[in-house]
C-alpha atoms as a PDB file:
ATOM      1  CA  UNK A   1      -0.081  -0.209  -0.105  1.00  0.00           C
ATOM      2  CA  UNK A   2       2.899   2.670   0.753  1.00  0.00           C
ATOM      3  CA  UNK A   3       4.414   1.687  -2.376  1.00  0.00           C
ATOM      4  CA  UNK A   4       1.249   2.751  -4.369  1.00  0.00           C
ATOM      5  CA  UNK A   5       0.822   5.970  -2.381  1.00  0.00           C
ATOM      6  CA  UNK A   6       4.431   7.037  -3.082  1.00  0.00           C
ATOM      7  CA  UNK A   7       3.780   5.974  -6.966  1.00  0.00           C
ATOM      8  CA  UNK A   8       0.478   8.094  -7.144  1.00  0.00           C
ATOM      9  CA  UNK A   9       2.539  11.412  -4.943  1.00  0.00           C
ATOM     10  CA  UNK A  10       5.324  10.806  -7.918  1.00  0.00           C
ATOM     11  CA  UNK A  11       2.519  10.829 -10.443  1.00  0.00           C
ATOM     12  CA  UNK A  12       0.915  14.110  -9.198  1.00  0.00           C
ATOM     13  CA  UNK A  13       4.403  15.746  -9.177  1.00  0.00           C
ATOM     14  CA  UNK A  14       5.094  14.880 -12.904  1.00  0.00           C
ATOM     15  CA  UNK A  15       1.366  16.355 -13.649  1.00  0.00           C
ATOM     16  CA  UNK A  16       2.204  19.397 -11.772  1.00  0.00           C
ATOM     17  CA  UNK A  17       5.561  19.743 -13.382  1.00  0.00           C
ATOM     18  CA  UNK A  18       4.124  19.561 -16.725  1.00  0.00           C
ATOM     19  CA  UNK A  19       1.304  21.877 -16.257  1.00  0.00           C
ATOM     20  CA  UNK A  20       3.565  24.245 -15.554  1.00  0.00           C
ATOM     21  CA  UNK A  21       5.866  23.517 -18.009  1.00  0.00           C
ATOM     22  CA  UNK A  22       2.866  24.214 -20.486  1.00  0.00           C
ATOM     23  CA  UNK A  23       2.117  27.635 -19.379  1.00  0.00           C
ATOM     24  CA  UNK A  24       5.571  28.836 -19.140  1.00  0.00           C
ATOM     25  CA  UNK A  25       7.177  30.749 -22.123  1.00  0.00           C
ATOM     26  CA  UNK A  26      10.495  31.485 -20.900  1.00  0.00           C
ATOM     27  CA  UNK A  27      12.244  28.079 -20.046  1.00  0.00           C
ATOM     28  CA  UNK A  28      14.978  27.302 -17.820  1.00  0.00           C
ATOM     29  CA  UNK A  29      17.573  24.929 -18.590  1.00  0.00           C
ATOM     30  CA  UNK A  30      15.724  21.931 -16.667  1.00  0.00           C
ATOM     31  CA  UNK A  31      12.407  22.926 -18.254  1.00  0.00           C
ATOM     32  CA  UNK A  32      14.139  22.857 -21.592  1.00  0.00           C
ATOM     33  CA  UNK A  33      15.396  18.950 -20.643  1.00  0.00           C
ATOM     34  CA  UNK A  34      11.902  18.156 -20.099  1.00  0.00           C
ATOM     35  CA  UNK A  35      10.545  19.897 -23.410  1.00  0.00           C
ATOM     36  CA  UNK A  36      13.344  18.653 -25.913  1.00  0.00           C
ATOM     37  CA  UNK A  37      13.757  15.006 -24.395  1.00  0.00           C
ATOM     38  CA  UNK A  38      17.328  15.638 -24.412  1.00  0.00           C
ATOM     39  CA  UNK A  39      19.909  14.902 -22.081  1.00  0.00           C
ATOM     40  CA  UNK A  40      21.425  17.520 -20.192  1.00  0.00           C
ATOM     41  CA  UNK A  41      24.972  16.807 -21.420  1.00  0.00           C
ATOM     42  CA  UNK A  42      23.967  17.276 -25.080  1.00  0.00           C
ATOM     43  CA  UNK A  43      21.749  19.972 -24.440  1.00  0.00           C
ATOM     44  CA  UNK A  44      24.564  22.163 -22.760  1.00  0.00           C
ATOM     45  CA  UNK A  45      26.946  20.847 -25.434  1.00  0.00           C
ATOM     46  CA  UNK A  46      24.073  22.236 -27.996  1.00  0.00           C
ATOM     47  CA  UNK A  47      24.539  25.646 -25.879  1.00  0.00           C
ATOM     48  CA  UNK A  48      28.008  25.870 -25.692  1.00  0.00           C
ATOM     49  CA  UNK A  49      28.641  25.692 -29.511  1.00  0.00           C
ATOM     50  CA  UNK A  50      25.664  27.879 -29.800  1.00  0.00           C
ATOM     51  CA  UNK A  51      23.602  25.285 -32.213  1.00  0.00           C
ATOM     52  CA  UNK A  52      20.357  26.059 -30.068  1.00  0.00           C
ATOM     53  CA  UNK A  53      18.833  29.455 -29.326  1.00  0.00           C
ATOM     54  CA  UNK A  54      19.397  30.195 -25.491  1.00  0.00           C
ATOM     55  CA  UNK A  55      20.169  33.265 -23.229  1.00  0.00           C
ATOM     56  CA  UNK A  56      22.439  34.051 -20.862  1.00  0.00           C
ATOM     57  CA  UNK A  57      21.035  37.700 -19.169  1.00  0.00           C
ATOM     58  CA  UNK A  58      23.314  37.234 -16.111  1.00  0.00           C
ATOM     59  CA  UNK A  59      26.181  35.341 -18.028  1.00  0.00           C
ATOM     60  CA  UNK A  60      25.455  32.494 -16.055  1.00  0.00           C
ATOM     61  CA  UNK A  61      22.046  30.868 -15.659  1.00  0.00           C
ATOM     62  CA  UNK A  62      20.970  29.830 -19.138  1.00  0.00           C
ATOM     63  CA  UNK A  63      17.139  30.417 -20.395  1.00  0.00           C
ATOM     64  CA  UNK A  64      15.230  29.554 -23.578  1.00  0.00           C
ATOM     65  CA  UNK A  65      12.189  31.069 -25.456  1.00  0.00           C
ATOM     66  CA  UNK A  66       9.634  28.103 -25.759  1.00  0.00           C
ATOM     67  CA  UNK A  67       8.479  28.988 -29.007  1.00  0.00           C
ATOM     68  CA  UNK A  68      12.117  29.274 -30.555  1.00  0.00           C
ATOM     69  CA  UNK A  69      12.876  26.257 -28.751  1.00  0.00           C
ATOM     70  CA  UNK A  70       9.776  24.310 -30.992  1.00  0.00           C
ATOM     71  CA  UNK A  71      10.793  26.125 -33.948  1.00  0.00           C
ATOM     72  CA  UNK A  72      14.632  24.648 -33.668  1.00  0.00           C
ATOM     73  CA  UNK A  73      12.934  21.322 -33.044  1.00  0.00           C
ATOM     74  CA  UNK A  74      10.795  21.320 -36.289  1.00  0.00           C
ATOM     75  CA  UNK A  75      13.549  22.479 -38.562  1.00  0.00           C
ATOM     76  CA  UNK A  76      14.933  19.842 -41.308  1.00  0.00           C
ATOM     77  CA  UNK A  77      11.584  18.622 -42.014  1.00  0.00           C
ATOM     78  CA  UNK A  78      11.866  15.139 -43.791  1.00  0.00           C
ATOM     79  CA  UNK A  79       9.010  14.577 -46.691  1.00  0.00           C
ATOM     80  CA  UNK A  80       6.793  11.718 -46.616  1.00  0.00           C
ATOM     81  CA  UNK A  81       6.758   9.293 -49.142  1.00  0.00           C
ATOM     82  CA  UNK A  82       3.333  10.275 -50.382  1.00  0.00           C
ATOM     83  CA  UNK A  83       4.787  13.977 -50.777  1.00  0.00           C
ATOM     84  CA  UNK A  84       8.142  12.823 -52.410  1.00  0.00           C
ATOM     85  CA  UNK A  85       6.018  10.564 -55.027  1.00  0.00           C
ATOM     86  CA  UNK A  86       3.915  13.775 -55.768  1.00  0.00           C
ATOM     87  CA  UNK A  87       7.059  15.793 -56.362  1.00  0.00           C
ATOM     88  CA  UNK A  88       8.314  13.124 -58.682  1.00  0.00           C
ATOM     89  CA  UNK A  89       4.826  12.596 -60.661  1.00  0.00           C
ATOM     90  CA  UNK A  90       4.552  16.547 -61.117  1.00  0.00           C
ATOM     91  CA  UNK A  91       8.109  16.697 -62.207  1.00  0.00           C
ATOM     92  CA  UNK A  92       7.680  14.549 -64.997  1.00  0.00           C
ATOM     93  CA  UNK A  93       4.270  15.659 -65.907  1.00  0.00           C
ATOM     94  CA  UNK A  94       5.433  19.216 -65.774  1.00  0.00           C
ATOM     95  CA  UNK A  95       9.070  18.909 -66.633  1.00  0.00           C
ATOM     96  CA  UNK A  96       9.888  21.226 -63.446  1.00  0.00           C
ATOM     97  CA  UNK A  97      10.476  21.139 -59.912  1.00  0.00           C
END
């Protein structure tokens, strides 16, 4: 019974954390880790090599803009097979890309 209660408490903590994360537009480093699903070390590497948009207002603490992170995650979209087939058919018919 104790184990079940502890699991329930942890579940409620996760719900609360995710609810708070969903309402934030400025994210801390830990928030960005949760949002992206990246490991802490890889996210830190991305910030240190300036490959991901971030802010350091005081020169130490890292912050992220939620919209910028979501846009960064959506870059380099891979086309579906259907989209590629449609483009190929269009090219064959019209001779243009």
